[in-house]
Amino acid sequence: MNREALEQLINDKGIKKNFISKSLDITDQALYNKLSGKSDFTRGEVEILCDVLGITNPEDVMSIFFTQQVDQ
């Protein structure tokens, strides 16, 4: 997941993180864990996030939620 891109999009849309956690039906702590990479978003959560954040382009979905970092 590209945390910076996701957090920037959340900020750009002016959406509060507690609204996102309520939309996902998870606690604020669970959202923090997902944003920090301690746990992953489920497919259903990604779909809800796309709806909440207005992400419609599949390439945007892939670049935000399915990036993979490779250690060098």
N, C-alpha and C. Protein backbone atom coordinates (compact mmCIF):
# COMPACT_ATOMS: atom_id res chain seq x y z
N MET A 1 0.84 -1.17 0.00
CA MET A 1 0.00 0.00 0.00
C MET A 1 0.89 1.24 0.00
N ASN A 2 0.46 2.24 -0.73
CA ASN A 2 1.17 3.51 -0.77
C ASN A 2 0.50 4.43 0.26
N ARG A 3 1.01 4.37 1.48
CA ARG A 3 0.41 5.12 2.59
C ARG A 3 0.36 6.62 2.31
N GLU A 4 1.46 7.16 1.78
CA GLU A 4 1.50 8.59 1.53
C GLU A 4 0.42 9.02 0.54
N ALA A 5 0.24 8.25 -0.52
CA ALA A 5 -0.78 8.59 -1.52
C ALA A 5 -2.18 8.50 -0.92
N LEU A 6 -2.42 7.46 -0.13
CA LEU A 6 -3.74 7.30 0.49
C LEU A 6 -4.01 8.43 1.49
N GLU A 7 -3.06 8.73 2.33
CA GLU A 7 -3.27 9.80 3.31
C GLU A 7 -3.42 11.16 2.62
N GLN A 8 -2.68 11.39 1.54
CA GLN A 8 -2.81 12.64 0.80
C GLN A 8 -4.21 12.77 0.20
N LEU A 9 -4.71 11.67 -0.35
CA LEU A 9 -6.05 11.67 -0.92
C LEU A 9 -7.10 11.94 0.15
N ILE A 10 -6.95 11.31 1.31
CA ILE A 10 -7.87 11.54 2.42
C ILE A 10 -7.85 13.02 2.81
N ASN A 11 -6.67 13.59 2.92
CA ASN A 11 -6.55 15.01 3.29
C ASN A 11 -7.11 15.91 2.21
N ASP A 12 -6.81 15.60 0.95
CA ASP A 12 -7.30 16.41 -0.17
C ASP A 12 -8.82 16.44 -0.22
N LYS A 13 -9.44 15.31 0.12
CA LYS A 13 -10.90 15.23 0.11
C LYS A 13 -11.52 15.84 1.36
N GLY A 14 -10.69 16.13 2.37
CA GLY A 14 -11.19 16.72 3.61
C GLY A 14 -12.00 15.75 4.45
N ILE A 15 -11.69 14.49 4.32
CA ILE A 15 -12.44 13.46 5.05
C ILE A 15 -11.69 13.12 6.34
N LYS A 16 -12.41 13.08 7.43
CA LYS A 16 -11.83 12.75 8.72
C LYS A 16 -11.61 11.24 8.81
N LYS A 17 -10.53 10.87 9.46
CA LYS A 17 -10.20 9.44 9.58
C LYS A 17 -11.24 8.69 10.41
N ASN A 18 -11.85 9.36 11.38
CA ASN A 18 -12.88 8.65 12.16
C ASN A 18 -14.11 8.36 11.29
N PHE A 19 -14.37 9.19 10.28
CA PHE A 19 -15.46 8.90 9.34
C PHE A 19 -15.11 7.66 8.52
N ILE A 20 -13.85 7.56 8.13
CA ILE A 20 -13.41 6.39 7.36
C ILE A 20 -13.52 5.13 8.20
N SER A 21 -13.05 5.18 9.44
CA SER A 21 -13.14 3.99 10.29
C SER A 21 -14.59 3.58 10.50
N LYS A 22 -15.48 4.55 10.67
CA LYS A 22 -16.91 4.21 10.81
C LYS A 22 -17.46 3.63 9.53
N SER A 23 -17.05 4.16 8.38
CA SER A 23 -17.51 3.63 7.10
C SER A 23 -17.05 2.19 6.90
N LEU A 24 -15.86 1.89 7.40
CA LEU A 24 -15.32 0.53 7.28
C LEU A 24 -15.80 -0.39 8.39
N ASP A 25 -16.51 0.18 9.38
CA ASP A 25 -17.00 -0.56 10.54
C ASP A 25 -15.84 -1.19 11.31
N ILE A 26 -14.78 -0.36 11.51
CA ILE A 26 -13.64 -0.79 12.30
C ILE A 26 -13.32 0.33 13.29
N THR A 27 -12.50 0.01 14.27
CA THR A 27 -12.12 1.02 15.26
C THR A 27 -11.09 1.98 14.65
N ASP A 28 -10.93 3.12 15.30
CA ASP A 28 -9.89 4.07 14.87
C ASP A 28 -8.52 3.41 14.95
N GLN A 29 -8.29 2.61 15.99
CA GLN A 29 -7.00 1.91 16.13
C GLN A 29 -6.77 0.92 14.99
N ALA A 30 -7.81 0.22 14.59
CA ALA A 30 -7.68 -0.73 13.48
C ALA A 30 -7.33 0.01 12.19
N LEU A 31 -7.94 1.19 11.99
CA LEU A 31 -7.60 1.99 10.81
C LEU A 31 -6.15 2.43 10.87
N TYR A 32 -5.71 2.89 12.03
CA TYR A 32 -4.32 3.29 12.20
C TYR A 32 -3.39 2.12 11.87
N ASN A 33 -3.73 0.92 12.35
CA ASN A 33 -2.90 -0.26 12.06
C ASN A 33 -2.83 -0.54 10.57
N LYS A 34 -3.93 -0.35 9.88
CA LYS A 34 -3.94 -0.58 8.43
C LYS A 34 -3.14 0.50 7.71
N LEU A 35 -3.29 1.74 8.12
CA LEU A 35 -2.56 2.82 7.48
C LEU A 35 -1.06 2.73 7.74
N SER A 36 -0.68 2.19 8.88
CA SER A 36 0.74 2.08 9.22
C SER A 36 1.36 0.80 8.69
N GLY A 37 0.55 -0.07 8.08
CA GLY A 37 1.08 -1.30 7.51
C GLY A 37 1.15 -2.47 8.48
N LYS A 38 0.61 -2.29 9.68
CA LYS A 38 0.62 -3.38 10.66
C LYS A 38 -0.40 -4.45 10.30
N SER A 39 -1.42 -4.08 9.55
CA SER A 39 -2.39 -5.03 9.04
C SER A 39 -2.84 -4.53 7.67
N ASP A 40 -3.49 -5.39 6.93
CA ASP A 40 -3.88 -5.07 5.56
C ASP A 40 -5.36 -4.75 5.46
N PHE A 41 -5.70 -3.94 4.47
CA PHE A 41 -7.11 -3.72 4.14
C PHE A 41 -7.63 -4.96 3.43
N THR A 42 -8.86 -5.33 3.74
CA THR A 42 -9.50 -6.43 3.02
C THR A 42 -10.00 -5.91 1.67
N ARG A 43 -10.36 -6.82 0.81
CA ARG A 43 -10.90 -6.42 -0.50
C ARG A 43 -12.16 -5.57 -0.30
N GLY A 44 -13.02 -5.98 0.60
CA GLY A 44 -14.24 -5.23 0.87
C GLY A 44 -13.95 -3.83 1.39
N GLU A 45 -12.94 -3.72 2.24
CA GLU A 45 -12.56 -2.41 2.77
C GLU A 45 -12.01 -1.51 1.66
N VAL A 46 -11.23 -2.09 0.76
CA VAL A 46 -10.72 -1.31 -0.37
C VAL A 46 -11.88 -0.80 -1.22
N GLU A 47 -12.87 -1.64 -1.45
CA GLU A 47 -14.04 -1.23 -2.23
C GLU A 47 -14.77 -0.07 -1.55
N ILE A 48 -14.94 -0.16 -0.23
CA ILE A 48 -15.61 0.92 0.51
C ILE A 48 -14.77 2.19 0.45
N LEU A 49 -13.47 2.07 0.65
CA LEU A 49 -12.59 3.23 0.58
C LEU A 49 -12.67 3.90 -0.79
N CYS A 50 -12.71 3.10 -1.83
CA CYS A 50 -12.83 3.66 -3.18
C CYS A 50 -14.13 4.46 -3.31
N ASP A 51 -15.21 3.94 -2.77
CA ASP A 51 -16.49 4.66 -2.81
C ASP A 51 -16.41 5.95 -2.00
N VAL A 52 -15.90 5.86 -0.79
CA VAL A 52 -15.83 7.02 0.10
C VAL A 52 -14.92 8.11 -0.48
N LEU A 53 -13.80 7.69 -1.08
CA LEU A 53 -12.82 8.63 -1.58
C LEU A 53 -13.02 9.00 -3.05
N GLY A 54 -13.98 8.36 -3.69
CA GLY A 54 -14.27 8.68 -5.09
C GLY A 54 -13.20 8.18 -6.06
N ILE A 55 -12.56 7.07 -5.72
CA ILE A 55 -11.55 6.50 -6.60
C ILE A 55 -12.26 5.59 -7.60
N THR A 56 -12.19 5.94 -8.87
CA THR A 56 -12.88 5.15 -9.89
C THR A 56 -11.93 4.54 -10.92
N ASN A 57 -10.74 5.09 -11.04
CA ASN A 57 -9.78 4.61 -12.01
C ASN A 57 -9.05 3.38 -11.47
N PRO A 58 -9.14 2.24 -12.17
CA PRO A 58 -8.46 1.02 -11.68
C PRO A 58 -6.95 1.21 -11.48
N GLU A 59 -6.33 2.03 -12.29
CA GLU A 59 -4.89 2.27 -12.13
C GLU A 59 -4.60 2.99 -10.81
N ASP A 60 -5.50 3.89 -10.41
CA ASP A 60 -5.34 4.58 -9.13
C ASP A 60 -5.50 3.60 -7.97
N VAL A 61 -6.46 2.70 -8.10
CA VAL A 61 -6.67 1.68 -7.06
C VAL A 61 -5.40 0.85 -6.91
N MET A 62 -4.85 0.41 -8.03
CA MET A 62 -3.64 -0.42 -7.99
C MET A 62 -2.46 0.35 -7.40
N SER A 63 -2.29 1.61 -7.80
CA SER A 63 -1.13 2.36 -7.34
C SER A 63 -1.22 2.73 -5.87
N ILE A 64 -2.42 2.83 -5.33
CA ILE A 64 -2.58 3.18 -3.92
C ILE A 64 -2.58 1.94 -3.03
N PHE A 65 -3.36 0.95 -3.39
CA PHE A 65 -3.58 -0.18 -2.48
C PHE A 65 -2.72 -1.40 -2.74
N PHE A 66 -2.14 -1.51 -3.91
CA PHE A 66 -1.42 -2.74 -4.24
C PHE A 66 0.00 -2.50 -4.69
N THR A 67 0.65 -1.51 -4.11
CA THR A 67 2.07 -1.30 -4.40
C THR A 67 2.86 -2.28 -3.57
N GLN A 68 3.97 -2.65 -4.10
CA GLN A 68 4.84 -3.59 -3.37
C GLN A 68 6.23 -3.00 -3.33
N GLN A 69 6.77 -2.90 -2.14
CA GLN A 69 8.13 -2.39 -1.99
C GLN A 69 9.09 -3.58 -2.00
N VAL A 70 10.17 -3.39 -2.73
CA VAL A 70 11.19 -4.43 -2.81
C VAL A 70 12.46 -3.91 -2.15
N ASP A 71 12.98 -4.66 -1.21
CA ASP A 71 14.23 -4.26 -0.56
C ASP A 71 15.38 -4.44 -1.52
N GLN A 72 16.28 -3.49 -1.49
CA GLN A 72 17.44 -3.56 -2.39
C GLN A 72 18.66 -4.05 -1.65
